[in-house]
Amino acid sequence: MSEPRDWTPHVVTPDTVGVAANHEGLLAALSDTAKTGELLLAKKALVFRGFGTSKEQVDSALDLLLPNRLAYVHGNSPRTKVGSNVYTSTEYPAEFTISMHNELSYARRWPSRLAFYCERRPTTGGATPVVDCTVWLNSLDEEVRAAFDKGIRYTQNLHSGAGFGRSWQDTFETSDRDEVEAHLADADVAWEWKPDGGIRLTQSRPATVRHQVTGDEVWFNQFDQWHLAGLDADTATMLSELMPEDELPQSVTFADGTPIPDAYVAHVRDKGLDAAVDVDWYDGDLLLIDNVAVAHGRRPYTGPRRVLVAMSG
């Protein structure tokens, strides 16, 4: 059963858990990792606020929140590695909205948890919107839901060091082709090395999944971010003039190869953003989300925003 539409992330402060308002207090609050897991399952997203955690201290909190921290391998978002499997949350231009999505939902395996840390809040805007994915699924028109029953096919063209989008070396954090092929074989991804040294990847995935614990069906894909209609108009026009669709850095169809209508992109994107709850950032905040139950995005902003992300299986 889905949560009601007035769902919001659960905020944890020093006062609500009876600990000191400092980083040591946060570690004390997180020391019972089983209790944190139960709270996350019940609330789907947790905001830890008022503990004053610095960038130098955040690793110790992430160790408690994210067992078995994962590398961002085969990710499609522009980001920089800044620590032990800790990354900038995105380097997508500040003036654009990032639509709602579950991290690596196009992959065979995805992280079960994400943790975001606010090192520096923006001057204006820059919230991380989050949405209950059962609410998102139930908000979609029946025609759209039925159309996606056939699944989704994702295609990537990764260059070898020069070109649009990401290189395969950055995407897989290696320059060893054998390592890339081993990862792709394990991940159920079809690949083709191109004469220019790049690689084309193709994978088919469902549009919805069921939560591994609750059994709730959730909207769980990133088709709108891979679709040309999901880009800003100037970028979409430029890319379509420069290259055919099958050569785009990333593209998407239904799993049977038929096109996904542009109208479906706008419908799904807008329903997700409309149902989302904004998490406005304060320096030192931590946001922990269940990556299957909850999707996330980013609002436009001004000023020097720096939010880091890490994930676990």
C-alpha atoms as a PDB file:
ATOM      1  CA  MET A   1       0.000   0.000   0.000  1.00  0.00           C
ATOM      2  CA  SER A   2       1.347   3.440  -0.896  1.00  0.00           C
ATOM      3  CA  GLU A   3       1.945   6.229   1.572  1.00  0.00           C
ATOM      4  CA  PRO A   4      -0.537   9.131   1.568  1.00  0.00           C
ATOM      5  CA  ARG A   5       0.240  12.075  -0.703  1.00  0.00           C
ATOM      6  CA  ASP A   6       1.242  14.233   2.286  1.00  0.00           C
ATOM      7  CA  TRP A   7       4.320  12.053   2.865  1.00  0.00           C
ATOM      8  CA  THR A   8       7.470  13.962   3.821  1.00  0.00           C
ATOM      9  CA  PRO A   9      10.967  12.870   4.858  1.00  0.00           C
ATOM     10  CA  HIS A  10      11.467  12.305   8.575  1.00  0.00           C
ATOM     11  CA  VAL A  11      13.706  14.922  10.219  1.00  0.00           C
ATOM     12  CA  VAL A  12      16.109  13.814  12.958  1.00  0.00           C
ATOM     13  CA  THR A  13      17.632  16.529  15.178  1.00  0.00           C
ATOM     14  CA  PRO A  14      19.667  16.418  18.380  1.00  0.00           C
ATOM     15  CA  ASP A  15      16.519  17.280  20.344  1.00  0.00           C
ATOM     16  CA  THR A  16      14.387  14.514  18.826  1.00  0.00           C
ATOM     17  CA  VAL A  17      16.927  11.810  19.686  1.00  0.00           C
ATOM     18  CA  GLY A  18      18.299  13.319  22.919  1.00  0.00           C
ATOM     19  CA  VAL A  19      21.965  13.699  21.969  1.00  0.00           C
ATOM     20  CA  ALA A  20      24.499  16.518  21.835  1.00  0.00           C
ATOM     21  CA  ALA A  21      24.236  18.990  18.961  1.00  0.00           C
ATOM     22  CA  ASN A  22      27.566  18.025  17.412  1.00  0.00           C
ATOM     23  CA  HIS A  23      29.086  15.331  15.246  1.00  0.00           C
ATOM     24  CA  GLU A  24      29.675  13.031  18.214  1.00  0.00           C
ATOM     25  CA  GLY A  25      25.959  13.310  18.925  1.00  0.00           C
ATOM     26  CA  LEU A  26      25.197  12.260  15.354  1.00  0.00           C
ATOM     27  CA  LEU A  27      27.443   9.206  15.671  1.00  0.00           C
ATOM     28  CA  ALA A  28      25.678   8.301  18.898  1.00  0.00           C
ATOM     29  CA  ALA A  29      22.304   8.617  17.165  1.00  0.00           C
ATOM     30  CA  LEU A  30      23.501   6.370  14.344  1.00  0.00           C
ATOM     31  CA  SER A  31      25.285   3.802  16.504  1.00  0.00           C
ATOM     32  CA  ASP A  32      22.336   1.393  16.411  1.00  0.00           C
ATOM     33  CA  THR A  33      22.469   0.664  12.690  1.00  0.00           C
ATOM     34  CA  ALA A  34      19.588  -1.805  12.859  1.00  0.00           C
ATOM     35  CA  LYS A  35      17.362   0.882  14.373  1.00  0.00           C
ATOM     36  CA  THR A  36      18.378   3.315  11.630  1.00  0.00           C
ATOM     37  CA  GLY A  37      17.491   0.685   9.035  1.00  0.00           C
ATOM     38  CA  GLU A  38      14.060   0.141  10.589  1.00  0.00           C
ATOM     39  CA  LEU A  39      13.425   3.885  10.653  1.00  0.00           C
ATOM     40  CA  LEU A  40      14.464   4.240   7.015  1.00  0.00           C
ATOM     41  CA  LEU A  41      12.176   1.387   5.983  1.00  0.00           C
ATOM     42  CA  ALA A  42       9.255   3.028   7.788  1.00  0.00           C
ATOM     43  CA  LYS A  43       9.910   6.630   6.733  1.00  0.00           C
ATOM     44  CA  LYS A  44      11.682   6.086   3.355  1.00  0.00           C
ATOM     45  CA  ALA A  45      13.844   9.213   3.710  1.00  0.00           C
ATOM     46  CA  LEU A  46      15.644  10.667   6.743  1.00  0.00           C
ATOM     47  CA  VAL A  47      17.121  14.151   7.174  1.00  0.00           C
ATOM     48  CA  PHE A  48      19.787  14.541   9.889  1.00  0.00           C
ATOM     49  CA  ARG A  49      19.970  18.241  10.758  1.00  0.00           C
ATOM     50  CA  GLY A  50      21.620  20.390  13.401  1.00  0.00           C
ATOM     51  CA  PHE A  51      24.636  18.197  14.155  1.00  0.00           C
ATOM     52  CA  GLY A  52      27.225  20.491  12.536  1.00  0.00           C
ATOM     53  CA  THR A  53      29.028  17.676  10.725  1.00  0.00           C
ATOM     54  CA  SER A  54      31.969  18.949   8.672  1.00  0.00           C
ATOM     55  CA  LYS A  55      33.319  17.521   5.427  1.00  0.00           C
ATOM     56  CA  GLU A  56      36.289  16.117   7.358  1.00  0.00           C
ATOM     57  CA  GLN A  57      33.932  14.298   9.721  1.00  0.00           C
ATOM     58  CA  VAL A  58      31.302  13.014   7.300  1.00  0.00           C
ATOM     59  CA  ASP A  59      33.093   9.759   6.430  1.00  0.00           C
ATOM     60  CA  SER A  60      32.498   8.358   9.910  1.00  0.00           C
ATOM     61  CA  ALA A  61      28.771   9.020   9.581  1.00  0.00           C
ATOM     62  CA  LEU A  62      28.655   7.507   6.095  1.00  0.00           C
ATOM     63  CA  ASP A  63      30.330   4.360   7.430  1.00  0.00           C
ATOM     64  CA  LEU A  64      27.317   3.870   9.721  1.00  0.00           C
ATOM     65  CA  LEU A  65      24.662   4.878   7.188  1.00  0.00           C
ATOM     66  CA  LEU A  66      26.076   3.019   4.180  1.00  0.00           C
ATOM     67  CA  PRO A  67      27.532  -0.418   4.782  1.00  0.00           C
ATOM     68  CA  ASN A  68      29.584  -1.586   1.791  1.00  0.00           C
ATOM     69  CA  ARG A  69      29.901   1.785   0.079  1.00  0.00           C
ATOM     70  CA  LEU A  70      29.761   1.411  -3.714  1.00  0.00           C
ATOM     71  CA  ALA A  71      31.699   3.032  -6.540  1.00  0.00           C
ATOM     72  CA  TYR A  72      29.625   4.980  -9.077  1.00  0.00           C
ATOM     73  CA  VAL A  73      30.406   2.554 -11.891  1.00  0.00           C
ATOM     74  CA  HIS A  74      28.289   2.769 -15.072  1.00  0.00           C
ATOM     75  CA  GLY A  75      26.668   5.956 -13.829  1.00  0.00           C
ATOM     76  CA  ASN A  76      25.405   8.461 -16.408  1.00  0.00           C
ATOM     77  CA  SER A  77      25.538  11.703 -14.382  1.00  0.00           C
ATOM     78  CA  PRO A  78      28.532  14.072 -14.588  1.00  0.00           C
ATOM     79  CA  ARG A  79      30.238  13.981 -11.191  1.00  0.00           C
ATOM     80  CA  THR A  80      33.686  13.938  -9.618  1.00  0.00           C
ATOM     81  CA  LYS A  81      35.077  11.442  -7.125  1.00  0.00           C
ATOM     82  CA  VAL A  82      36.205  13.350  -4.005  1.00  0.00           C
ATOM     83  CA  GLY A  83      36.830  10.595  -1.458  1.00  0.00           C
ATOM     84  CA  SER A  84      36.384   6.909  -0.682  1.00  0.00           C
ATOM     85  CA  ASN A  85      33.440   6.238  -3.034  1.00  0.00           C
ATOM     86  CA  VAL A  86      32.146   9.739  -2.308  1.00  0.00           C
ATOM     87  CA  TYR A  87      31.227  11.952  -5.261  1.00  0.00           C
ATOM     88  CA  THR A  88      29.843  15.345  -6.120  1.00  0.00           C
ATOM     89  CA  SER A  89      26.102  14.791  -6.420  1.00  0.00           C
ATOM     90  CA  THR A  90      26.073  16.171  -9.974  1.00  0.00           C
ATOM     91  CA  GLU A  91      27.802  18.755 -12.107  1.00  0.00           C
ATOM     92  CA  TYR A  92      24.773  19.409 -14.294  1.00  0.00           C
ATOM     93  CA  PRO A  93      24.390  23.166 -14.945  1.00  0.00           C
ATOM     94  CA  ALA A  94      22.821  25.087 -12.060  1.00  0.00           C
ATOM     95  CA  GLU A  95      20.061  26.711 -14.125  1.00  0.00           C
ATOM     96  CA  PHE A  96      18.360  23.415 -14.962  1.00  0.00           C
ATOM     97  CA  THR A  97      16.037  21.157 -12.995  1.00  0.00           C
ATOM     98  CA  ILE A  98      17.081  17.510 -12.707  1.00  0.00           C
ATOM     99  CA  SER A  99      13.955  15.376 -12.949  1.00  0.00           C
ATOM    100  CA  MET A 100      13.007  12.703 -10.462  1.00  0.00           C
ATOM    101  CA  HIS A 101      14.853   9.396 -10.749  1.00  0.00           C
ATOM    102  CA  ASN A 102      16.148   6.411  -8.788  1.00  0.00           C
ATOM    103  CA  GLU A 103      19.914   6.067  -8.981  1.00  0.00           C
ATOM    104  CA  LEU A 104      21.104   3.489 -11.528  1.00  0.00           C
ATOM    105  CA  SER A 105      17.557   2.242 -12.091  1.00  0.00           C
ATOM    106  CA  TYR A 106      18.567   1.389 -15.672  1.00  0.00           C
ATOM    107  CA  ALA A 107      21.090  -1.147 -14.382  1.00  0.00           C
ATOM    108  CA  ARG A 108      20.644  -4.783 -13.453  1.00  0.00           C
ATOM    109  CA  ARG A 109      21.725  -3.960  -9.882  1.00  0.00           C
ATOM    110  CA  TRP A 110      21.273  -0.649  -8.145  1.00  0.00           C
ATOM    111  CA  PRO A 111      22.169   0.867  -4.759  1.00  0.00           C
ATOM    112  CA  SER A 112      19.607   0.312  -2.033  1.00  0.00           C
ATOM    113  CA  ARG A 113      20.567   3.487  -0.150  1.00  0.00           C
ATOM    114  CA  LEU A 114      21.862   6.940  -1.047  1.00  0.00           C
ATOM    115  CA  ALA A 115      23.269   9.490   1.374  1.00  0.00           C
ATOM    116  CA  PHE A 116      23.665  13.157   0.458  1.00  0.00           C
ATOM    117  CA  TYR A 117      25.779  15.577   2.479  1.00  0.00           C
ATOM    118  CA  CYS A 118      25.569  19.372   2.220  1.00  0.00           C
ATOM    119  CA  GLU A 119      29.034  20.866   2.419  1.00  0.00           C
ATOM    120  CA  ARG A 120      27.851  24.279   1.233  1.00  0.00           C
ATOM    121  CA  ARG A 121      24.275  25.396   0.706  1.00  0.00           C
ATOM    122  CA  PRO A 122      23.425  27.486  -2.364  1.00  0.00           C
ATOM    123  CA  THR A 123      22.487  31.156  -2.203  1.00  0.00           C
ATOM    124  CA  THR A 124      18.992  30.457  -3.550  1.00  0.00           C
ATOM    125  CA  GLY A 125      17.142  27.319  -4.641  1.00  0.00           C
ATOM    126  CA  GLY A 126      19.017  24.057  -5.035  1.00  0.00           C
ATOM    127  CA  ALA A 127      16.676  21.864  -3.012  1.00  0.00           C
ATOM    128  CA  THR A 128      16.779  18.099  -3.489  1.00  0.00           C
ATOM    129  CA  PRO A 129      13.169  17.089  -4.234  1.00  0.00           C
ATOM    130  CA  VAL A 130      12.174  13.571  -3.177  1.00  0.00           C
ATOM    131  CA  VAL A 131       9.068  11.621  -4.122  1.00  0.00           C
ATOM    132  CA  ASP A 132       7.422   8.453  -2.858  1.00  0.00           C
ATOM    133  CA  CYS A 133       7.587   6.168  -5.899  1.00  0.00           C
ATOM    134  CA  THR A 134       4.283   4.452  -5.144  1.00  0.00           C
ATOM    135  CA  VAL A 135       2.600   7.870  -5.200  1.00  0.00           C
ATOM    136  CA  TRP A 136       4.395   8.695  -8.447  1.00  0.00           C
ATOM    137  CA  LEU A 137       3.312   5.419 -10.060  1.00  0.00           C
ATOM    138  CA  ASN A 138      -0.304   5.880  -8.978  1.00  0.00           C
ATOM    139  CA  SER A 139      -0.367   9.444 -10.329  1.00  0.00           C
ATOM    140  CA  LEU A 140       0.346   8.340 -13.909  1.00  0.00           C
ATOM    141  CA  ASP A 141      -2.403   8.018 -16.507  1.00  0.00           C
ATOM    142  CA  GLU A 142      -3.479   4.440 -17.110  1.00  0.00           C
ATOM    143  CA  GLU A 143      -2.555   4.698 -20.797  1.00  0.00           C
ATOM    144  CA  VAL A 144       1.033   5.595 -19.873  1.00  0.00           C
ATOM    145  CA  ARG A 145       1.368   2.873 -17.245  1.00  0.00           C
ATOM    146  CA  ALA A 146       0.040   0.258 -19.663  1.00  0.00           C
ATOM    147  CA  ALA A 147       2.389   1.364 -22.445  1.00  0.00           C
ATOM    148  CA  PHE A 148       5.415   0.793 -20.225  1.00  0.00           C
ATOM    149  CA  ASP A 149       4.393  -2.780 -19.396  1.00  0.00           C
ATOM    150  CA  LYS A 150       6.577  -3.816 -22.353  1.00  0.00           C
ATOM    151  CA  GLY A 151       9.678  -2.434 -20.614  1.00  0.00           C
ATOM    152  CA  ILE A 152      12.413   0.003 -21.638  1.00  0.00           C
ATOM    153  CA  ARG A 153      15.540  -0.295 -23.786  1.00  0.00           C
ATOM    154  CA  TYR A 154      18.442   2.009 -22.846  1.00  0.00           C
ATOM    155  CA  THR A 155      21.287   2.711 -25.292  1.00  0.00           C
ATOM    156  CA  GLN A 156      24.565   4.487 -24.525  1.00  0.00           C
ATOM    157  CA  ASN A 157      27.391   5.574 -26.801  1.00  0.00           C
ATOM    158  CA  LEU A 158      30.492   6.216 -24.710  1.00  0.00           C
ATOM    159  CA  HIS A 159      33.461   7.846 -26.429  1.00  0.00           C
ATOM    160  CA  SER A 160      37.104   6.952 -25.775  1.00  0.00           C
ATOM    161  CA  GLY A 161      38.275  10.349 -24.587  1.00  0.00           C
ATOM    162  CA  ALA A 162      36.890  12.983 -26.932  1.00  0.00           C
ATOM    163  CA  GLY A 163      33.252  13.562 -27.832  1.00  0.00           C
ATOM    164  CA  PHE A 164      29.834  14.331 -26.396  1.00  0.00           C
ATOM    165  CA  GLY A 165      28.825  12.833 -23.083  1.00  0.00           C
ATOM    166  CA  ARG A 166      31.006  10.645 -20.898  1.00  0.00           C
ATOM    167  CA  SER A 167      33.945   8.451 -21.877  1.00  0.00           C
ATOM    168  CA  TRP A 168      33.884   4.749 -21.108  1.00  0.00           C
ATOM    169  CA  GLN A 169      37.037   5.204 -19.022  1.00  0.00           C
ATOM    170  CA  ASP A 170      35.307   7.721 -16.729  1.00  0.00           C
ATOM    171  CA  THR A 171      32.072   5.743 -16.675  1.00  0.00           C
ATOM    172  CA  PHE A 172      33.715   2.512 -15.527  1.00  0.00           C
ATOM    173  CA  GLU A 173      36.640   4.068 -13.615  1.00  0.00           C
ATOM    174  CA  THR A 174      39.156   1.997 -15.599  1.00  0.00           C
ATOM    175  CA  SER A 175      41.023   2.037 -18.911  1.00  0.00           C
ATOM    176  CA  ASP A 176      41.115  -1.773 -19.077  1.00  0.00           C
ATOM    177  CA  ARG A 177      38.735  -3.144 -21.719  1.00  0.00           C
ATOM    178  CA  ASP A 178      38.728  -6.576 -20.142  1.00  0.00           C
ATOM    179  CA  GLU A 179      37.492  -5.098 -16.847  1.00  0.00           C
ATOM    180  CA  VAL A 180      34.744  -3.245 -18.683  1.00  0.00           C
ATOM    181  CA  GLU A 181      33.623  -6.379 -20.529  1.00  0.00           C
ATOM    182  CA  ALA A 182      33.600  -8.418 -17.314  1.00  0.00           C
ATOM    183  CA  HIS A 183      31.420  -5.793 -15.641  1.00  0.00           C
ATOM    184  CA  LEU A 184      29.034  -5.634 -18.595  1.00  0.00           C
ATOM    185  CA  ALA A 185      28.692  -9.403 -18.845  1.00  0.00           C
ATOM    186  CA  ASP A 186      27.852  -9.593 -15.148  1.00  0.00           C
ATOM    187  CA  ALA A 187      25.409  -6.682 -15.490  1.00  0.00           C
ATOM    188  CA  ASP A 188      23.497  -8.242 -18.414  1.00  0.00           C
ATOM    189  CA  VAL A 189      24.451  -5.431 -20.816  1.00  0.00           C
ATOM    190  CA  ALA A 190      25.097  -6.001 -24.526  1.00  0.00           C
ATOM    191  CA  TRP A 191      28.120  -4.142 -25.891  1.00  0.00           C
ATOM    192  CA  GLU A 192      29.851  -3.361 -29.162  1.00  0.00           C
ATOM    193  CA  TRP A 193      33.297  -1.758 -29.451  1.00  0.00           C
ATOM    194  CA  LYS A 194      33.299   0.891 -32.189  1.00  0.00           C
ATOM    195  CA  PRO A 195      36.078   1.574 -34.724  1.00  0.00           C
ATOM    196  CA  ASP A 196      36.835   4.948 -33.096  1.00  0.00           C
ATOM    197  CA  GLY A 197      37.542   3.271 -29.733  1.00  0.00           C
ATOM    198  CA  GLY A 198      34.182   4.050 -28.209  1.00  0.00           C
ATOM    199  CA  ILE A 199      31.583   1.521 -27.065  1.00  0.00           C
ATOM    200  CA  ARG A 200      27.834   1.125 -27.595  1.00  0.00           C
ATOM    201  CA  LEU A 201      25.837  -0.404 -24.731  1.00  0.00           C
ATOM    202  CA  THR A 202      22.268  -1.712 -24.818  1.00  0.00           C
ATOM    203  CA  GLN A 203      20.150  -3.025 -21.951  1.00  0.00           C
ATOM    204  CA  SER A 204      16.451  -3.695 -21.410  1.00  0.00           C
ATOM    205  CA  ARG A 205      14.812  -3.187 -18.032  1.00  0.00           C
ATOM    206  CA  PRO A 206      11.301  -3.042 -16.546  1.00  0.00           C
ATOM    207  CA  ALA A 207       9.617   0.307 -15.866  1.00  0.00           C
ATOM    208  CA  THR A 208       8.498  -0.751 -12.381  1.00  0.00           C
ATOM    209  CA  VAL A 209       9.869  -3.027  -9.670  1.00  0.00           C
ATOM    210  CA  ARG A 210       8.648  -4.230  -6.296  1.00  0.00           C
ATOM    211  CA  HIS A 211      10.376  -3.081  -3.133  1.00  0.00           C
ATOM    212  CA  GLN A 212      12.593  -5.856  -1.803  1.00  0.00           C
ATOM    213  CA  VAL A 213      11.044  -5.713   1.694  1.00  0.00           C
ATOM    214  CA  THR A 214       7.572  -4.165   1.510  1.00  0.00           C
ATOM    215  CA  GLY A 215       6.586  -5.629  -1.868  1.00  0.00           C
ATOM    216  CA  ASP A 216       5.161  -2.261  -2.972  1.00  0.00           C
ATOM    217  CA  GLU A 217       5.226  -1.716  -6.730  1.00  0.00           C
ATOM    218  CA  VAL A 218       7.111   1.490  -7.570  1.00  0.00           C
ATOM    219  CA  TRP A 219       7.879   3.539 -10.660  1.00  0.00           C
ATOM    220  CA  PHE A 220      11.585   2.785 -11.149  1.00  0.00           C
ATOM    221  CA  ASN A 221      13.352   3.920 -14.300  1.00  0.00           C
ATOM    222  CA  GLN A 222      15.140   6.864 -15.903  1.00  0.00           C
ATOM    223  CA  PHE A 223      13.603   6.867 -19.369  1.00  0.00           C
ATOM    224  CA  ASP A 224      12.757  10.591 -19.368  1.00  0.00           C
ATOM    225  CA  GLN A 225      16.390  11.533 -18.668  1.00  0.00           C
ATOM    226  CA  TRP A 226      17.579   9.390 -21.604  1.00  0.00           C
ATOM    227  CA  HIS A 227      14.942  10.656 -24.036  1.00  0.00           C
ATOM    228  CA  LEU A 228      15.747  13.545 -26.390  1.00  0.00           C
ATOM    229  CA  ALA A 229      12.521  15.260 -25.304  1.00  0.00           C
ATOM    230  CA  GLY A 230      13.806  15.252 -21.730  1.00  0.00           C
ATOM    231  CA  LEU A 231      16.646  17.649 -22.599  1.00  0.00           C
ATOM    232  CA  ASP A 232      16.380  21.416 -22.739  1.00  0.00           C
ATOM    233  CA  ALA A 233      15.275  22.601 -26.184  1.00  0.00           C
ATOM    234  CA  ASP A 234      18.623  24.090 -27.248  1.00  0.00           C
ATOM    235  CA  THR A 235      20.601  20.964 -26.354  1.00  0.00           C
ATOM    236  CA  ALA A 236      18.058  18.653 -27.988  1.00  0.00           C
ATOM    237  CA  THR A 237      18.106  20.691 -31.201  1.00  0.00           C
ATOM    238  CA  MET A 238      21.900  20.805 -31.298  1.00  0.00           C
ATOM    239  CA  LEU A 239      22.294  17.053 -30.777  1.00  0.00           C
ATOM    240  CA  SER A 240      19.617  16.114 -33.296  1.00  0.00           C
ATOM    241  CA  GLU A 241      21.342  18.275 -35.914  1.00  0.00           C
ATOM    242  CA  LEU A 242      24.780  16.830 -35.189  1.00  0.00           C
ATOM    243  CA  MET A 243      24.089  13.102 -35.100  1.00  0.00           C
ATOM    244  CA  PRO A 244      21.452  10.437 -35.731  1.00  0.00           C
ATOM    245  CA  GLU A 245      19.508   9.223 -32.705  1.00  0.00           C
ATOM    246  CA  ASP A 246      21.353   5.900 -32.512  1.00  0.00           C
ATOM    247  CA  GLU A 247      24.643   7.813 -32.098  1.00  0.00           C
ATOM    248  CA  LEU A 248      23.471  10.042 -29.243  1.00  0.00           C
ATOM    249  CA  PRO A 249      25.373   9.712 -25.951  1.00  0.00           C
ATOM    250  CA  GLN A 250      22.208   8.098 -24.559  1.00  0.00           C
ATOM    251  CA  SER A 251      18.799   7.280 -25.967  1.00  0.00           C
ATOM    252  CA  VAL A 252      15.778   5.211 -25.055  1.00  0.00           C
ATOM    253  CA  THR A 253      12.881   3.289 -26.624  1.00  0.00           C
ATOM    254  CA  PHE A 254      10.347   0.772 -25.447  1.00  0.00           C
ATOM    255  CA  ALA A 255      11.981  -2.636 -25.031  1.00  0.00           C
ATOM    256  CA  ASP A 256      10.616  -3.796 -28.401  1.00  0.00           C
ATOM    257  CA  GLY A 257      12.380  -0.884 -30.139  1.00  0.00           C
ATOM    258  CA  THR A 258       9.289   1.251 -30.760  1.00  0.00           C
ATOM    259  CA  PRO A 259       9.610   4.979 -29.971  1.00  0.00           C
ATOM    260  CA  ILE A 260       8.408   6.435 -26.687  1.00  0.00           C
ATOM    261  CA  PRO A 261       6.136   9.430 -27.435  1.00  0.00           C
ATOM    262  CA  ASP A 262       7.411  12.851 -26.374  1.00  0.00           C
ATOM    263  CA  ALA A 263       4.132  13.433 -24.547  1.00  0.00           C
ATOM    264  CA  TYR A 264       4.897  10.528 -22.216  1.00  0.00           C
ATOM    265  CA  VAL A 265       8.171  12.184 -21.233  1.00  0.00           C
ATOM    266  CA  ALA A 266       6.453  15.401 -20.163  1.00  0.00           C
ATOM    267  CA  HIS A 267       3.657  13.525 -18.388  1.00  0.00           C
ATOM    268  CA  VAL A 268       5.922  11.295 -16.298  1.00  0.00           C
ATOM    269  CA  ARG A 269       8.469  14.034 -15.554  1.00  0.00           C
ATOM    270  CA  ASP A 270       5.845  16.563 -14.480  1.00  0.00           C
ATOM    271  CA  LYS A 271       3.871  14.112 -12.341  1.00  0.00           C
ATOM    272  CA  GLY A 272       7.051  13.194 -10.457  1.00  0.00           C
ATOM    273  CA  LEU A 273       8.077  16.785  -9.834  1.00  0.00           C
ATOM    274  CA  ASP A 274       4.536  17.800  -8.858  1.00  0.00           C
ATOM    275  CA  ALA A 275       4.353  15.058  -6.225  1.00  0.00           C
ATOM    276  CA  ALA A 276       7.843  15.733  -4.854  1.00  0.00           C
ATOM    277  CA  VAL A 277       8.729  17.284  -1.503  1.00  0.00           C
ATOM    278  CA  ASP A 278      11.682  19.683  -1.473  1.00  0.00           C
ATOM    279  CA  VAL A 279      14.505  19.104   1.002  1.00  0.00           C
ATOM    280  CA  ASP A 280      16.109  22.535   1.397  1.00  0.00           C
ATOM    281  CA  TRP A 281      19.739  22.343   2.394  1.00  0.00           C
ATOM    282  CA  TYR A 282      21.601  23.680   5.419  1.00  0.00           C
ATOM    283  CA  ASP A 283      25.346  23.279   5.860  1.00  0.00           C
ATOM    284  CA  GLY A 284      26.127  19.947   7.525  1.00  0.00           C
ATOM    285  CA  ASP A 285      22.805  18.285   6.642  1.00  0.00           C
ATOM    286  CA  LEU A 286      22.688  14.597   5.745  1.00  0.00           C
ATOM    287  CA  LEU A 287      19.841  13.075   3.726  1.00  0.00           C
ATOM    288  CA  LEU A 288      19.474   9.275   3.664  1.00  0.00           C
ATOM    289  CA  ILE A 289      17.011   7.749   1.201  1.00  0.00           C
ATOM    290  CA  ASP A 290      15.770   4.309   0.278  1.00  0.00           C
ATOM    291  CA  ASN A 291      16.681   4.338  -3.418  1.00  0.00           C
ATOM    292  CA  VAL A 292      13.818   2.017  -4.411  1.00  0.00           C
ATOM    293  CA  ALA A 293      11.039   3.598  -2.348  1.00  0.00           C
ATOM    294  CA  VAL A 294      12.068   7.190  -3.101  1.00  0.00           C
ATOM    295  CA  ALA A 295      13.267   9.038  -6.196  1.00  0.00           C
ATOM    296  CA  HIS A 296      15.226  12.274  -6.086  1.00  0.00           C
ATOM    297  CA  GLY A 297      16.100  15.228  -8.310  1.00  0.00           C
ATOM    298  CA  ARG A 298      17.470  18.763  -8.045  1.00  0.00           C
ATOM    299  CA  ARG A 299      15.973  22.229  -8.271  1.00  0.00           C
ATOM    300  CA  PRO A 300      17.804  25.068 -10.066  1.00  0.00           C
ATOM    301  CA  TYR A 301      19.973  27.301  -7.893  1.00  0.00           C
ATOM    302  CA  THR A 302      22.283  30.265  -7.677  1.00  0.00           C
ATOM    303  CA  GLY A 303      25.524  30.554  -5.761  1.00  0.00           C
ATOM    304  CA  PRO A 304      28.127  27.924  -4.822  1.00  0.00           C
ATOM    305  CA  ARG A 305      26.164  24.763  -4.029  1.00  0.00           C
ATOM    306  CA  ARG A 306      28.232  21.704  -3.007  1.00  0.00           C
ATOM    307  CA  VAL A 307      26.385  18.519  -2.133  1.00  0.00           C
ATOM    308  CA  LEU A 308      28.207  15.170  -1.978  1.00  0.00           C
ATOM    309  CA  VAL A 309      26.698  11.703  -2.454  1.00  0.00           C
ATOM    310  CA  ALA A 310      27.602   8.143  -1.587  1.00  0.00           C
ATOM    311  CA  MET A 311      25.678   4.892  -1.994  1.00  0.00           C
ATOM    312  CA  SER A 312      25.525   1.324  -0.772  1.00  0.00           C
ATOM    313  CA  GLY A 313      24.093  -1.960  -1.992  1.00  0.00           C
END
